[in-house]
Amino acid sequence: MSEAVRSESVEDIEIQLLLEALYRRYHYDFRHYARASIKRRLRQALEQLGFKNFSAMQQALLHGDTLVTRLLDYLTVQVSEMFRDPGYFRAVREKVLPHLRTYPSLKLWIAGCSQGEELYSFAIMLHEEGLLDRTLIYATDINPAALEAAQAGVYALDRLAAFTRNHQLAGGKSSLSDYYTTAYGRAVFDKALRAQVVFSDHSLVTDAVFAECQFVSCRNVMIYFDRQLQDRAVGLFRDSLSRRGFLGLGSKETLRFSAHADAFSEFVREEKIYQRRDG
């Protein structure tokens, strides 16, 4: 056996044991995330955090409480922007909200809310459509630091140009600047946007359904899951949606091969918006 093959095999074992330790010690379960993606992120963490190998990282994880928070920042993807993929938000505004408007009250679940960009996008859109006051939004993520950032609603000013452009392309009916104030090189979004928001730690890997919703938006999260975990997540969404409720996925995600595909029909095919079937 060559040294390259032997080293790769040892690394795979070390990564498997590290993920098992993370789950058994802290109950964060990344064991069914796509292995290539996890390996790439863990290699980055190994280099930047200064560990010799994954066994040394596992030792630090098991015998201390500080590494887990830093490791989560590598294992969870925190890259997004407001009104990302504007066509998705325009489709929600023009085709989904007319249906949701008929409900006396609404519940919306943003699964994997990261640092809040999608949350504020929905809150602004719902405000523009006169629906925010009767909508309860659940914003969930497994990363406590990301949830804190989402709750603060503070973003660097150099990101606002892209946010503003996306807002207009998404059919925005006001100026994005109406919703934030600036100070010290940062934009702080109006706390009224999160008055109807419940922030919560929730894992699609290990946790159960917690509410019945009319809309679930989970975008660019399941691309990091293996097939088994994707099926579990879609099953959660199915069970959390009310009859004829809506599910929005990311542009590279699909229900086509899901074990739960029959529970949904395509509502806006090009924007990956689905509707739960009756029954």
C-alpha atoms as a PDB file:
ATOM      1  CA  MET A   1       0.000   0.000   0.000  1.00  0.00           C
ATOM      2  CA  SER A   2       1.404   3.392  -0.959  1.00  0.00           C
ATOM      3  CA  GLU A   3       2.002   6.109   1.616  1.00  0.00           C
ATOM      4  CA  ALA A   4      -0.563   8.398  -0.123  1.00  0.00           C
ATOM      5  CA  VAL A   5      -3.310   5.766   0.124  1.00  0.00           C
ATOM      6  CA  ARG A   6      -2.378   4.967   3.718  1.00  0.00           C
ATOM      7  CA  SER A   7      -2.449   8.662   4.706  1.00  0.00           C
ATOM      8  CA  GLU A   8      -5.804   9.253   3.045  1.00  0.00           C
ATOM      9  CA  SER A   9      -7.279   6.252   4.808  1.00  0.00           C
ATOM     10  CA  VAL A  10      -5.997   7.428   8.201  1.00  0.00           C
ATOM     11  CA  GLU A  11      -7.385  10.915   7.560  1.00  0.00           C
ATOM     12  CA  ASP A  12     -10.816   9.499   6.730  1.00  0.00           C
ATOM     13  CA  ILE A  13     -10.817   7.513   9.967  1.00  0.00           C
ATOM     14  CA  GLU A  14      -9.716  10.543  11.960  1.00  0.00           C
ATOM     15  CA  ILE A  15     -12.479  12.674  10.438  1.00  0.00           C
ATOM     16  CA  GLN A  16     -15.094  10.034  11.182  1.00  0.00           C
ATOM     17  CA  LEU A  17     -13.942   9.839  14.817  1.00  0.00           C
ATOM     18  CA  LEU A  18     -13.840  13.634  15.103  1.00  0.00           C
ATOM     19  CA  LEU A  19     -17.431  13.956  13.864  1.00  0.00           C
ATOM     20  CA  GLU A  20     -18.501  11.184  16.224  1.00  0.00           C
ATOM     21  CA  ALA A  21     -16.845  12.996  19.134  1.00  0.00           C
ATOM     22  CA  LEU A  22     -18.546  16.265  18.150  1.00  0.00           C
ATOM     23  CA  TYR A  23     -21.911  14.517  18.174  1.00  0.00           C
ATOM     24  CA  ARG A  24     -21.486  12.517  21.381  1.00  0.00           C
ATOM     25  CA  ARG A  25     -19.885  15.360  23.358  1.00  0.00           C
ATOM     26  CA  TYR A  26     -21.891  18.344  22.107  1.00  0.00           C
ATOM     27  CA  HIS A  27     -24.844  16.850  20.144  1.00  0.00           C
ATOM     28  CA  TYR A  28     -23.929  18.575  16.875  1.00  0.00           C
ATOM     29  CA  ASP A  29     -24.365  15.937  14.194  1.00  0.00           C
ATOM     30  CA  PHE A  30     -22.408  16.377  10.956  1.00  0.00           C
ATOM     31  CA  ARG A  31     -21.982  12.651  10.322  1.00  0.00           C
ATOM     32  CA  HIS A  32     -24.372  12.667   7.361  1.00  0.00           C
ATOM     33  CA  TYR A  33     -23.180  15.843   5.719  1.00  0.00           C
ATOM     34  CA  ALA A  34     -21.640  15.418   2.279  1.00  0.00           C
ATOM     35  CA  ARG A  35     -18.186  14.045   3.068  1.00  0.00           C
ATOM     36  CA  ALA A  36     -16.239  15.970   0.410  1.00  0.00           C
ATOM     37  CA  SER A  37     -17.597  19.284   1.706  1.00  0.00           C
ATOM     38  CA  ILE A  38     -16.987  18.403   5.361  1.00  0.00           C
ATOM     39  CA  LYS A  39     -13.445  17.213   4.611  1.00  0.00           C
ATOM     40  CA  ARG A  40     -12.653  20.459   2.785  1.00  0.00           C
ATOM     41  CA  ARG A  41     -13.924  22.602   5.658  1.00  0.00           C
ATOM     42  CA  LEU A  42     -12.174  20.522   8.322  1.00  0.00           C
ATOM     43  CA  ARG A  43      -8.862  20.762   6.450  1.00  0.00           C
ATOM     44  CA  GLN A  44      -9.276  24.534   6.440  1.00  0.00           C
ATOM     45  CA  ALA A  45      -9.975  24.492  10.193  1.00  0.00           C
ATOM     46  CA  LEU A  46      -6.970  22.228  10.796  1.00  0.00           C
ATOM     47  CA  GLU A  47      -4.652  24.633   9.035  1.00  0.00           C
ATOM     48  CA  GLN A  48      -6.015  27.864  10.460  1.00  0.00           C
ATOM     49  CA  LEU A  49      -6.465  26.634  14.032  1.00  0.00           C
ATOM     50  CA  GLY A  50      -2.955  25.207  14.124  1.00  0.00           C
ATOM     51  CA  PHE A  51      -3.546  21.515  14.849  1.00  0.00           C
ATOM     52  CA  LYS A  52      -1.051  18.879  13.677  1.00  0.00           C
ATOM     53  CA  ASN A  53      -3.782  16.406  12.688  1.00  0.00           C
ATOM     54  CA  PHE A  54      -7.454  15.604  13.273  1.00  0.00           C
ATOM     55  CA  SER A  55      -6.631  13.351  16.211  1.00  0.00           C
ATOM     56  CA  ALA A  56      -5.122  16.329  18.016  1.00  0.00           C
ATOM     57  CA  MET A  57      -8.224  18.347  17.164  1.00  0.00           C
ATOM     58  CA  GLN A  58     -10.417  15.565  18.553  1.00  0.00           C
ATOM     59  CA  GLN A  59      -8.467  15.567  21.812  1.00  0.00           C
ATOM     60  CA  ALA A  60      -8.955  19.316  22.186  1.00  0.00           C
ATOM     61  CA  LEU A  61     -12.644  18.953  21.374  1.00  0.00           C
ATOM     62  CA  LEU A  62     -13.208  16.244  23.970  1.00  0.00           C
ATOM     63  CA  HIS A  63     -11.233  17.850  26.781  1.00  0.00           C
ATOM     64  CA  GLY A  64     -12.163  21.520  26.450  1.00  0.00           C
ATOM     65  CA  ASP A  65     -15.194  23.695  25.758  1.00  0.00           C
ATOM     66  CA  THR A  66     -13.709  26.465  23.615  1.00  0.00           C
ATOM     67  CA  LEU A  67     -12.944  24.685  20.345  1.00  0.00           C
ATOM     68  CA  VAL A  68     -16.515  23.674  19.531  1.00  0.00           C
ATOM     69  CA  THR A  69     -17.676  27.253  18.911  1.00  0.00           C
ATOM     70  CA  ARG A  70     -14.764  27.973  16.578  1.00  0.00           C
ATOM     71  CA  LEU A  71     -15.235  24.659  14.775  1.00  0.00           C
ATOM     72  CA  LEU A  72     -18.911  25.385  14.107  1.00  0.00           C
ATOM     73  CA  ASP A  73     -17.907  28.493  12.196  1.00  0.00           C
ATOM     74  CA  TYR A  74     -16.043  26.256   9.747  1.00  0.00           C
ATOM     75  CA  LEU A  75     -18.640  23.490   9.558  1.00  0.00           C
ATOM     76  CA  THR A  76     -21.659  25.749   9.006  1.00  0.00           C
ATOM     77  CA  VAL A  77     -21.819  27.911   5.897  1.00  0.00           C
ATOM     78  CA  GLN A  78     -22.406  31.573   6.731  1.00  0.00           C
ATOM     79  CA  VAL A  79     -22.305  33.033   3.224  1.00  0.00           C
ATOM     80  CA  SER A  80     -25.456  34.790   2.054  1.00  0.00           C
ATOM     81  CA  GLU A  81     -26.876  38.171   1.118  1.00  0.00           C
ATOM     82  CA  MET A  82     -30.227  39.898   1.350  1.00  0.00           C
ATOM     83  CA  PHE A  83     -32.712  38.944  -1.389  1.00  0.00           C
ATOM     84  CA  ARG A  84     -30.206  36.405  -2.695  1.00  0.00           C
ATOM     85  CA  ASP A  85     -31.479  35.054  -6.030  1.00  0.00           C
ATOM     86  CA  PRO A  86     -33.971  37.917  -6.528  1.00  0.00           C
ATOM     87  CA  GLY A  87     -36.164  35.832  -8.829  1.00  0.00           C
ATOM     88  CA  TYR A  88     -37.011  33.576  -5.901  1.00  0.00           C
ATOM     89  CA  PHE A  89     -38.264  36.476  -3.789  1.00  0.00           C
ATOM     90  CA  ARG A  90     -40.148  37.977  -6.711  1.00  0.00           C
ATOM     91  CA  ALA A  91     -41.898  34.621  -7.230  1.00  0.00           C
ATOM     92  CA  VAL A  92     -42.792  34.435  -3.551  1.00  0.00           C
ATOM     93  CA  ARG A  93     -44.134  37.994  -3.657  1.00  0.00           C
ATOM     94  CA  GLU A  94     -46.149  37.618  -6.851  1.00  0.00           C
ATOM     95  CA  LYS A  95     -47.280  33.987  -6.755  1.00  0.00           C
ATOM     96  CA  VAL A  96     -47.141  32.686  -3.177  1.00  0.00           C
ATOM     97  CA  LEU A  97     -48.179  35.668  -1.064  1.00  0.00           C
ATOM     98  CA  PRO A  98     -51.565  36.039  -2.824  1.00  0.00           C
ATOM     99  CA  HIS A  99     -52.402  32.580  -1.441  1.00  0.00           C
ATOM    100  CA  LEU A 100     -50.970  33.272   2.010  1.00  0.00           C
ATOM    101  CA  ARG A 101     -52.842  36.565   2.207  1.00  0.00           C
ATOM    102  CA  THR A 102     -56.081  34.608   2.615  1.00  0.00           C
ATOM    103  CA  TYR A 103     -54.986  33.300   6.049  1.00  0.00           C
ATOM    104  CA  PRO A 104     -55.905  35.348   9.139  1.00  0.00           C
ATOM    105  CA  SER A 105     -52.438  34.674  10.546  1.00  0.00           C
ATOM    106  CA  LEU A 106     -49.259  33.190   9.100  1.00  0.00           C
ATOM    107  CA  LYS A 107     -46.295  31.193  10.315  1.00  0.00           C
ATOM    108  CA  LEU A 108     -43.070  31.168   8.321  1.00  0.00           C
ATOM    109  CA  TRP A 109     -40.048  28.990   9.096  1.00  0.00           C
ATOM    110  CA  ILE A 110     -36.611  29.999   7.810  1.00  0.00           C
ATOM    111  CA  ALA A 111     -34.501  26.890   8.383  1.00  0.00           C
ATOM    112  CA  GLY A 112     -30.780  27.569   8.413  1.00  0.00           C
ATOM    113  CA  CYS A 113     -31.157  31.329   8.791  1.00  0.00           C
ATOM    114  CA  SER A 114     -27.390  31.885   9.108  1.00  0.00           C
ATOM    115  CA  GLN A 115     -26.681  35.519  10.042  1.00  0.00           C
ATOM    116  CA  GLY A 116     -30.157  36.710   9.148  1.00  0.00           C
ATOM    117  CA  GLU A 117     -29.932  37.999   5.590  1.00  0.00           C
ATOM    118  CA  GLU A 118     -32.854  35.881   4.390  1.00  0.00           C
ATOM    119  CA  LEU A 119     -34.835  36.625   7.533  1.00  0.00           C
ATOM    120  CA  TYR A 120     -34.669  40.392   6.967  1.00  0.00           C
ATOM    121  CA  SER A 121     -35.428  39.900   3.285  1.00  0.00           C
ATOM    122  CA  PHE A 122     -38.677  38.141   4.144  1.00  0.00           C
ATOM    123  CA  ALA A 123     -39.533  40.613   6.894  1.00  0.00           C
ATOM    124  CA  ILE A 124     -39.097  43.581   4.527  1.00  0.00           C
ATOM    125  CA  MET A 125     -41.112  41.898   1.781  1.00  0.00           C
ATOM    126  CA  LEU A 126     -43.906  40.992   4.188  1.00  0.00           C
ATOM    127  CA  HIS A 127     -43.935  44.567   5.507  1.00  0.00           C
ATOM    128  CA  GLU A 128     -44.202  45.936   1.970  1.00  0.00           C
ATOM    129  CA  GLU A 129     -47.134  43.599   1.339  1.00  0.00           C
ATOM    130  CA  GLY A 130     -48.889  44.501   4.601  1.00  0.00           C
ATOM    131  CA  LEU A 131     -48.495  41.023   6.081  1.00  0.00           C
ATOM    132  CA  LEU A 132     -45.687  41.352   8.627  1.00  0.00           C
ATOM    133  CA  ASP A 133     -47.916  42.260  11.583  1.00  0.00           C
ATOM    134  CA  ARG A 134     -49.848  38.998  11.272  1.00  0.00           C
ATOM    135  CA  THR A 135     -46.879  36.762  10.526  1.00  0.00           C
ATOM    136  CA  LEU A 136     -44.828  34.849  13.089  1.00  0.00           C
ATOM    137  CA  ILE A 137     -41.378  33.996  11.736  1.00  0.00           C
ATOM    138  CA  TYR A 138     -39.264  31.173  13.128  1.00  0.00           C
ATOM    139  CA  ALA A 139     -35.577  31.742  12.356  1.00  0.00           C
ATOM    140  CA  THR A 140     -33.492  28.680  13.200  1.00  0.00           C
ATOM    141  CA  ASP A 141     -29.883  27.605  12.890  1.00  0.00           C
ATOM    142  CA  ILE A 142     -27.501  25.228  14.652  1.00  0.00           C
ATOM    143  CA  ASN A 143     -24.793  27.865  15.103  1.00  0.00           C
ATOM    144  CA  PRO A 144     -25.338  30.039  18.229  1.00  0.00           C
ATOM    145  CA  ALA A 145     -22.975  32.728  16.939  1.00  0.00           C
ATOM    146  CA  ALA A 146     -24.917  32.983  13.687  1.00  0.00           C
ATOM    147  CA  LEU A 147     -28.196  33.315  15.589  1.00  0.00           C
ATOM    148  CA  GLU A 148     -26.721  36.128  17.691  1.00  0.00           C
ATOM    149  CA  ALA A 149     -25.644  37.929  14.532  1.00  0.00           C
ATOM    150  CA  ALA A 150     -29.103  37.460  13.012  1.00  0.00           C
ATOM    151  CA  GLN A 151     -30.748  38.837  16.112  1.00  0.00           C
ATOM    152  CA  ALA A 152     -28.475  41.894  16.061  1.00  0.00           C
ATOM    153  CA  GLY A 153     -29.216  42.674  12.392  1.00  0.00           C
ATOM    154  CA  VAL A 154     -25.915  44.512  11.832  1.00  0.00           C
ATOM    155  CA  TYR A 155     -24.093  44.327   8.486  1.00  0.00           C
ATOM    156  CA  ALA A 156     -21.043  45.985   6.949  1.00  0.00           C
ATOM    157  CA  LEU A 157     -21.852  49.014   4.811  1.00  0.00           C
ATOM    158  CA  ASP A 158     -19.934  47.657   1.833  1.00  0.00           C
ATOM    159  CA  ARG A 159     -22.571  44.905   1.512  1.00  0.00           C
ATOM    160  CA  LEU A 160     -25.482  47.321   1.184  1.00  0.00           C
ATOM    161  CA  ALA A 161     -25.033  48.047  -2.539  1.00  0.00           C
ATOM    162  CA  ALA A 162     -25.609  44.354  -3.392  1.00  0.00           C
ATOM    163  CA  PHE A 163     -28.484  44.134  -0.894  1.00  0.00           C
ATOM    164  CA  THR A 164     -30.143  47.189  -2.448  1.00  0.00           C
ATOM    165  CA  ARG A 165     -29.738  45.922  -6.010  1.00  0.00           C
ATOM    166  CA  ASN A 166     -31.211  42.540  -5.089  1.00  0.00           C
ATOM    167  CA  HIS A 167     -34.131  44.187  -3.293  1.00  0.00           C
ATOM    168  CA  GLN A 168     -35.097  46.141  -6.387  1.00  0.00           C
ATOM    169  CA  LEU A 169     -34.721  43.118  -8.683  1.00  0.00           C
ATOM    170  CA  ALA A 170     -36.929  41.164  -6.267  1.00  0.00           C
ATOM    171  CA  GLY A 171     -39.768  43.644  -6.797  1.00  0.00           C
ATOM    172  CA  GLY A 172     -39.118  45.886  -3.808  1.00  0.00           C
ATOM    173  CA  LYS A 173     -41.790  48.533  -3.301  1.00  0.00           C
ATOM    174  CA  SER A 174     -39.740  50.899  -1.153  1.00  0.00           C
ATOM    175  CA  SER A 175     -36.155  51.948  -0.604  1.00  0.00           C
ATOM    176  CA  LEU A 176     -34.051  49.495   1.380  1.00  0.00           C
ATOM    177  CA  SER A 177     -32.552  52.465   3.211  1.00  0.00           C
ATOM    178  CA  ASP A 178     -35.945  52.958   4.879  1.00  0.00           C
ATOM    179  CA  TYR A 179     -35.207  49.907   7.009  1.00  0.00           C
ATOM    180  CA  TYR A 180     -31.761  50.631   8.456  1.00  0.00           C
ATOM    181  CA  THR A 181     -29.615  53.312  10.036  1.00  0.00           C
ATOM    182  CA  THR A 182     -25.868  53.673   9.610  1.00  0.00           C
ATOM    183  CA  ALA A 183     -23.108  54.299  12.127  1.00  0.00           C
ATOM    184  CA  TYR A 184     -19.405  53.464  12.380  1.00  0.00           C
ATOM    185  CA  GLY A 185     -19.279  51.763   9.007  1.00  0.00           C
ATOM    186  CA  ARG A 186     -22.215  49.465   9.728  1.00  0.00           C
ATOM    187  CA  ALA A 187     -25.895  49.258   8.867  1.00  0.00           C
ATOM    188  CA  VAL A 188     -28.292  48.386  11.691  1.00  0.00           C
ATOM    189  CA  PHE A 189     -31.668  47.077  10.561  1.00  0.00           C
ATOM    190  CA  ASP A 190     -34.827  48.290  12.276  1.00  0.00           C
ATOM    191  CA  LYS A 191     -35.701  46.159  15.317  1.00  0.00           C
ATOM    192  CA  ALA A 192     -39.377  46.371  14.271  1.00  0.00           C
ATOM    193  CA  LEU A 193     -38.505  43.901  11.496  1.00  0.00           C
ATOM    194  CA  ARG A 194     -37.763  41.230  14.099  1.00  0.00           C
ATOM    195  CA  ALA A 195     -40.588  42.002  16.516  1.00  0.00           C
ATOM    196  CA  GLN A 196     -42.470  38.988  15.141  1.00  0.00           C
ATOM    197  CA  VAL A 197     -39.428  36.706  14.993  1.00  0.00           C
ATOM    198  CA  VAL A 198     -38.604  33.745  17.227  1.00  0.00           C
ATOM    199  CA  PHE A 199     -34.897  32.880  17.085  1.00  0.00           C
ATOM    200  CA  SER A 200     -34.119  29.292  18.008  1.00  0.00           C
ATOM    201  CA  ASP A 201     -31.375  26.681  17.919  1.00  0.00           C
ATOM    202  CA  HIS A 202     -32.734  23.853  15.767  1.00  0.00           C
ATOM    203  CA  SER A 203     -31.009  21.021  13.925  1.00  0.00           C
ATOM    204  CA  LEU A 204     -32.484  19.409  10.836  1.00  0.00           C
ATOM    205  CA  VAL A 205     -30.314  16.394  11.691  1.00  0.00           C
ATOM    206  CA  THR A 206     -31.528  15.609  15.192  1.00  0.00           C
ATOM    207  CA  ASP A 207     -34.524  17.783  16.143  1.00  0.00           C
ATOM    208  CA  ALA A 208     -38.237  17.299  15.497  1.00  0.00           C
ATOM    209  CA  VAL A 209     -41.033  19.432  14.068  1.00  0.00           C
ATOM    210  CA  PHE A 210     -41.983  22.240  16.437  1.00  0.00           C
ATOM    211  CA  ALA A 211     -44.810  24.145  14.717  1.00  0.00           C
ATOM    212  CA  GLU A 212     -47.281  24.102  11.845  1.00  0.00           C
ATOM    213  CA  CYS A 213     -46.349  26.648   9.185  1.00  0.00           C
ATOM    214  CA  GLN A 214     -47.752  27.910   5.906  1.00  0.00           C
ATOM    215  CA  PHE A 215     -44.296  28.483   4.392  1.00  0.00           C
ATOM    216  CA  VAL A 216     -40.889  26.898   4.929  1.00  0.00           C
ATOM    217  CA  SER A 217     -37.818  28.414   3.290  1.00  0.00           C
ATOM    218  CA  CYS A 218     -34.660  26.304   3.466  1.00  0.00           C
ATOM    219  CA  ARG A 219     -32.250  27.410   0.794  1.00  0.00           C
ATOM    220  CA  ASN A 220     -28.718  26.231   0.088  1.00  0.00           C
ATOM    221  CA  VAL A 221     -28.635  24.041   3.193  1.00  0.00           C
ATOM    222  CA  MET A 222     -29.456  20.577   1.892  1.00  0.00           C
ATOM    223  CA  ILE A 223     -26.725  20.718  -0.761  1.00  0.00           C
ATOM    224  CA  TYR A 224     -24.356  19.909   2.113  1.00  0.00           C
ATOM    225  CA  PHE A 225     -26.361  16.831   3.221  1.00  0.00           C
ATOM    226  CA  ASP A 226     -26.092  13.251   2.005  1.00  0.00           C
ATOM    227  CA  ARG A 227     -29.227  11.586   0.596  1.00  0.00           C
ATOM    228  CA  GLN A 228     -30.310  10.095   3.925  1.00  0.00           C
ATOM    229  CA  LEU A 229     -30.155  13.439   5.690  1.00  0.00           C
ATOM    230  CA  GLN A 230     -31.867  15.236   2.801  1.00  0.00           C
ATOM    231  CA  ASP A 231     -34.791  12.834   3.134  1.00  0.00           C
ATOM    232  CA  ARG A 232     -34.969  13.467   6.863  1.00  0.00           C
ATOM    233  CA  ALA A 233     -35.035  17.235   6.353  1.00  0.00           C
ATOM    234  CA  VAL A 234     -37.720  17.092   3.661  1.00  0.00           C
ATOM    235  CA  GLY A 235     -39.770  14.835   5.931  1.00  0.00           C
ATOM    236  CA  LEU A 236     -39.578  17.506   8.635  1.00  0.00           C
ATOM    237  CA  PHE A 237     -40.707  20.169   6.198  1.00  0.00           C
ATOM    238  CA  ARG A 238     -43.604  18.021   5.015  1.00  0.00           C
ATOM    239  CA  ASP A 239     -44.749  17.383   8.584  1.00  0.00           C
ATOM    240  CA  SER A 240     -44.434  21.042   9.556  1.00  0.00           C
ATOM    241  CA  LEU A 241     -46.402  22.422   6.608  1.00  0.00           C
ATOM    242  CA  SER A 242     -50.115  22.995   6.777  1.00  0.00           C
ATOM    243  CA  ARG A 243     -52.284  21.567   4.028  1.00  0.00           C
ATOM    244  CA  ARG A 244     -51.369  23.283   0.738  1.00  0.00           C
ATOM    245  CA  GLY A 245     -48.423  25.017   2.432  1.00  0.00           C
ATOM    246  CA  PHE A 246     -45.320  26.065   0.488  1.00  0.00           C
ATOM    247  CA  LEU A 247     -41.675  24.986   0.546  1.00  0.00           C
ATOM    248  CA  GLY A 248     -38.852  27.007  -0.999  1.00  0.00           C
ATOM    249  CA  LEU A 249     -35.441  25.486  -1.769  1.00  0.00           C
ATOM    250  CA  GLY A 250     -32.154  26.759  -3.172  1.00  0.00           C
ATOM    251  CA  SER A 251     -31.412  26.989  -6.883  1.00  0.00           C
ATOM    252  CA  LYS A 252     -29.279  23.818  -6.870  1.00  0.00           C
ATOM    253  CA  GLU A 253     -31.686  21.777  -4.735  1.00  0.00           C
ATOM    254  CA  THR A 254     -34.601  19.601  -5.785  1.00  0.00           C
ATOM    255  CA  LEU A 255     -37.203  17.200  -4.447  1.00  0.00           C
ATOM    256  CA  ARG A 256     -36.971  15.050  -7.574  1.00  0.00           C
ATOM    257  CA  PHE A 257     -35.089  12.206  -5.907  1.00  0.00           C
ATOM    258  CA  SER A 258     -36.506  12.605  -2.405  1.00  0.00           C
ATOM    259  CA  ALA A 259     -38.372   9.802  -0.676  1.00  0.00           C
ATOM    260  CA  HIS A 260     -41.045  12.434   0.063  1.00  0.00           C
ATOM    261  CA  ALA A 261     -41.347  13.827  -3.469  1.00  0.00           C
ATOM    262  CA  ASP A 262     -44.919  12.561  -3.832  1.00  0.00           C
ATOM    263  CA  ALA A 263     -46.006  14.781  -0.941  1.00  0.00           C
ATOM    264  CA  PHE A 264     -45.310  17.911  -3.024  1.00  0.00           C
ATOM    265  CA  SER A 265     -46.179  19.406  -6.383  1.00  0.00           C
ATOM    266  CA  GLU A 266     -44.090  21.953  -8.259  1.00  0.00           C
ATOM    267  CA  PHE A 267     -45.555  25.430  -7.808  1.00  0.00           C
ATOM    268  CA  VAL A 268     -42.896  27.640  -9.407  1.00  0.00           C
ATOM    269  CA  ARG A 269     -40.540  25.184 -11.071  1.00  0.00           C
ATOM    270  CA  GLU A 270     -37.810  27.587 -12.106  1.00  0.00           C
ATOM    271  CA  GLU A 271     -37.470  29.020  -8.579  1.00  0.00           C
ATOM    272  CA  LYS A 272     -37.723  25.666  -6.718  1.00  0.00           C
ATOM    273  CA  ILE A 273     -40.945  26.526  -4.909  1.00  0.00           C
ATOM    274  CA  TYR A 274     -43.163  23.562  -4.058  1.00  0.00           C
ATOM    275  CA  GLN A 275     -46.610  23.144  -2.562  1.00  0.00           C
ATOM    276  CA  ARG A 276     -47.643  20.380  -0.209  1.00  0.00           C
ATOM    277  CA  ARG A 277     -50.365  18.206  -1.682  1.00  0.00           C
ATOM    278  CA  ASP A 278     -53.689  17.579   0.016  1.00  0.00           C
ATOM    279  CA  GLY A 279     -53.764  14.533   2.261  1.00  0.00           C
END
